[in-house]
């Protein structure tokens, strides 16, 4: 769990999850809502220039992706 998630933009986070099969479903105010076939959860990615450090980790956990897989796709 020593992998370090860099401070990145919400759009970059969304682009990275698209590599894992997530699609942008809609944009609701300042959040990008992403869905994936077969997944019960949806991801709510803040569309900010810089996303708080813990946010990508929470999204990574919700998407059933490891931090290392996320960083490799980044």
C-alpha atoms as a PDB file:
ATOM      1  CA  UNK A   1       0.000   0.000   0.000  1.00  0.00           C
ATOM      2  CA  UNK A   2       3.042   2.214  -0.364  1.00  0.00           C
ATOM      3  CA  UNK A   3       2.083   3.299  -3.883  1.00  0.00           C
ATOM      4  CA  UNK A   4       1.734   7.045  -4.130  1.00  0.00           C
ATOM      5  CA  UNK A   5      -1.168   8.494  -6.117  1.00  0.00           C
ATOM      6  CA  UNK A   6      -0.093  11.864  -7.565  1.00  0.00           C
ATOM      7  CA  UNK A   7      -2.279  14.965  -7.499  1.00  0.00           C
ATOM      8  CA  UNK A   8      -4.027  14.924 -10.883  1.00  0.00           C
ATOM      9  CA  UNK A   9      -7.055  16.505 -12.552  1.00  0.00           C
ATOM     10  CA  UNK A  10     -10.519  14.972 -12.464  1.00  0.00           C
ATOM     11  CA  UNK A  11     -10.501  14.631 -16.249  1.00  0.00           C
ATOM     12  CA  UNK A  12      -7.245  12.636 -16.057  1.00  0.00           C
ATOM     13  CA  UNK A  13      -8.813  10.377 -13.411  1.00  0.00           C
ATOM     14  CA  UNK A  14     -11.854   9.829 -15.678  1.00  0.00           C
ATOM     15  CA  UNK A  15      -9.631   9.084 -18.707  1.00  0.00           C
ATOM     16  CA  UNK A  16      -7.717   6.523 -16.670  1.00  0.00           C
ATOM     17  CA  UNK A  17     -10.900   4.726 -15.561  1.00  0.00           C
ATOM     18  CA  UNK A  18     -12.035   4.636 -19.209  1.00  0.00           C
ATOM     19  CA  UNK A  19      -9.042   2.363 -19.861  1.00  0.00           C
ATOM     20  CA  UNK A  20     -10.667  -0.117 -17.437  1.00  0.00           C
ATOM     21  CA  UNK A  21     -13.978  -0.087 -19.316  1.00  0.00           C
ATOM     22  CA  UNK A  22     -15.775   2.682 -17.406  1.00  0.00           C
ATOM     23  CA  UNK A  23     -17.752   5.146 -19.522  1.00  0.00           C
ATOM     24  CA  UNK A  24     -18.881   8.696 -18.856  1.00  0.00           C
ATOM     25  CA  UNK A  25     -22.617   8.397 -18.229  1.00  0.00           C
ATOM     26  CA  UNK A  26     -23.344  12.070 -17.554  1.00  0.00           C
ATOM     27  CA  UNK A  27     -21.968  15.205 -15.994  1.00  0.00           C
ATOM     28  CA  UNK A  28     -23.799  16.484 -12.944  1.00  0.00           C
ATOM     29  CA  UNK A  29     -22.646  19.968 -11.886  1.00  0.00           C
ATOM     30  CA  UNK A  30     -18.903  19.643 -11.247  1.00  0.00           C
ATOM     31  CA  UNK A  31     -18.849  15.826 -11.154  1.00  0.00           C
ATOM     32  CA  UNK A  32     -18.330  13.307 -13.957  1.00  0.00           C
ATOM     33  CA  UNK A  33     -20.555  10.275 -13.356  1.00  0.00           C
ATOM     34  CA  UNK A  34     -19.058   7.052 -14.749  1.00  0.00           C
ATOM     35  CA  UNK A  35     -20.678   3.631 -15.105  1.00  0.00           C
ATOM     36  CA  UNK A  36     -19.540   0.189 -16.216  1.00  0.00           C
ATOM     37  CA  UNK A  37     -21.614  -2.744 -17.449  1.00  0.00           C
ATOM     38  CA  UNK A  38     -21.933  -5.383 -14.749  1.00  0.00           C
ATOM     39  CA  UNK A  39     -20.968  -3.002 -11.926  1.00  0.00           C
ATOM     40  CA  UNK A  40     -23.535  -1.960  -9.336  1.00  0.00           C
ATOM     41  CA  UNK A  41     -21.609   1.157  -8.284  1.00  0.00           C
ATOM     42  CA  UNK A  42     -21.060   4.309 -10.295  1.00  0.00           C
ATOM     43  CA  UNK A  43     -18.023   6.554  -9.931  1.00  0.00           C
ATOM     44  CA  UNK A  44     -18.468  10.235  -9.171  1.00  0.00           C
ATOM     45  CA  UNK A  45     -15.268  11.967 -10.311  1.00  0.00           C
ATOM     46  CA  UNK A  46     -14.913  15.639  -9.343  1.00  0.00           C
ATOM     47  CA  UNK A  47     -14.210  17.710 -12.470  1.00  0.00           C
ATOM     48  CA  UNK A  48     -11.558  19.835 -10.769  1.00  0.00           C
ATOM     49  CA  UNK A  49      -8.109  20.946 -11.903  1.00  0.00           C
ATOM     50  CA  UNK A  50      -6.637  19.125  -8.904  1.00  0.00           C
ATOM     51  CA  UNK A  51      -8.459  16.300  -7.148  1.00  0.00           C
ATOM     52  CA  UNK A  52      -7.809  15.813  -3.406  1.00  0.00           C
ATOM     53  CA  UNK A  53      -5.321  13.004  -2.762  1.00  0.00           C
ATOM     54  CA  UNK A  54      -7.763  10.618  -1.061  1.00  0.00           C
ATOM     55  CA  UNK A  55     -10.403  10.881  -3.787  1.00  0.00           C
ATOM     56  CA  UNK A  56      -8.636   8.755  -6.448  1.00  0.00           C
ATOM     57  CA  UNK A  57      -7.883   6.108  -3.792  1.00  0.00           C
ATOM     58  CA  UNK A  58     -11.572   5.907  -2.856  1.00  0.00           C
ATOM     59  CA  UNK A  59     -12.553   5.673  -6.533  1.00  0.00           C
ATOM     60  CA  UNK A  60      -9.877   3.031  -7.182  1.00  0.00           C
ATOM     61  CA  UNK A  61     -11.292   0.957  -4.302  1.00  0.00           C
ATOM     62  CA  UNK A  62     -14.875   1.377  -5.566  1.00  0.00           C
ATOM     63  CA  UNK A  63     -13.831   0.346  -9.095  1.00  0.00           C
ATOM     64  CA  UNK A  64     -12.129  -2.861  -7.859  1.00  0.00           C
ATOM     65  CA  UNK A  65      -8.802  -1.765  -9.321  1.00  0.00           C
ATOM     66  CA  UNK A  66      -5.497  -1.789  -7.456  1.00  0.00           C
ATOM     67  CA  UNK A  67      -3.508   1.387  -6.970  1.00  0.00           C
ATOM     68  CA  UNK A  68      -0.664  -0.161  -8.984  1.00  0.00           C
ATOM     69  CA  UNK A  69      -3.015  -0.986 -11.888  1.00  0.00           C
ATOM     70  CA  UNK A  70      -4.362   2.583 -11.796  1.00  0.00           C
ATOM     71  CA  UNK A  71      -0.855   4.075 -11.784  1.00  0.00           C
ATOM     72  CA  UNK A  72       0.203   1.825 -14.671  1.00  0.00           C
ATOM     73  CA  UNK A  73      -2.815   2.974 -16.726  1.00  0.00           C
ATOM     74  CA  UNK A  74      -2.191   6.611 -15.842  1.00  0.00           C
END
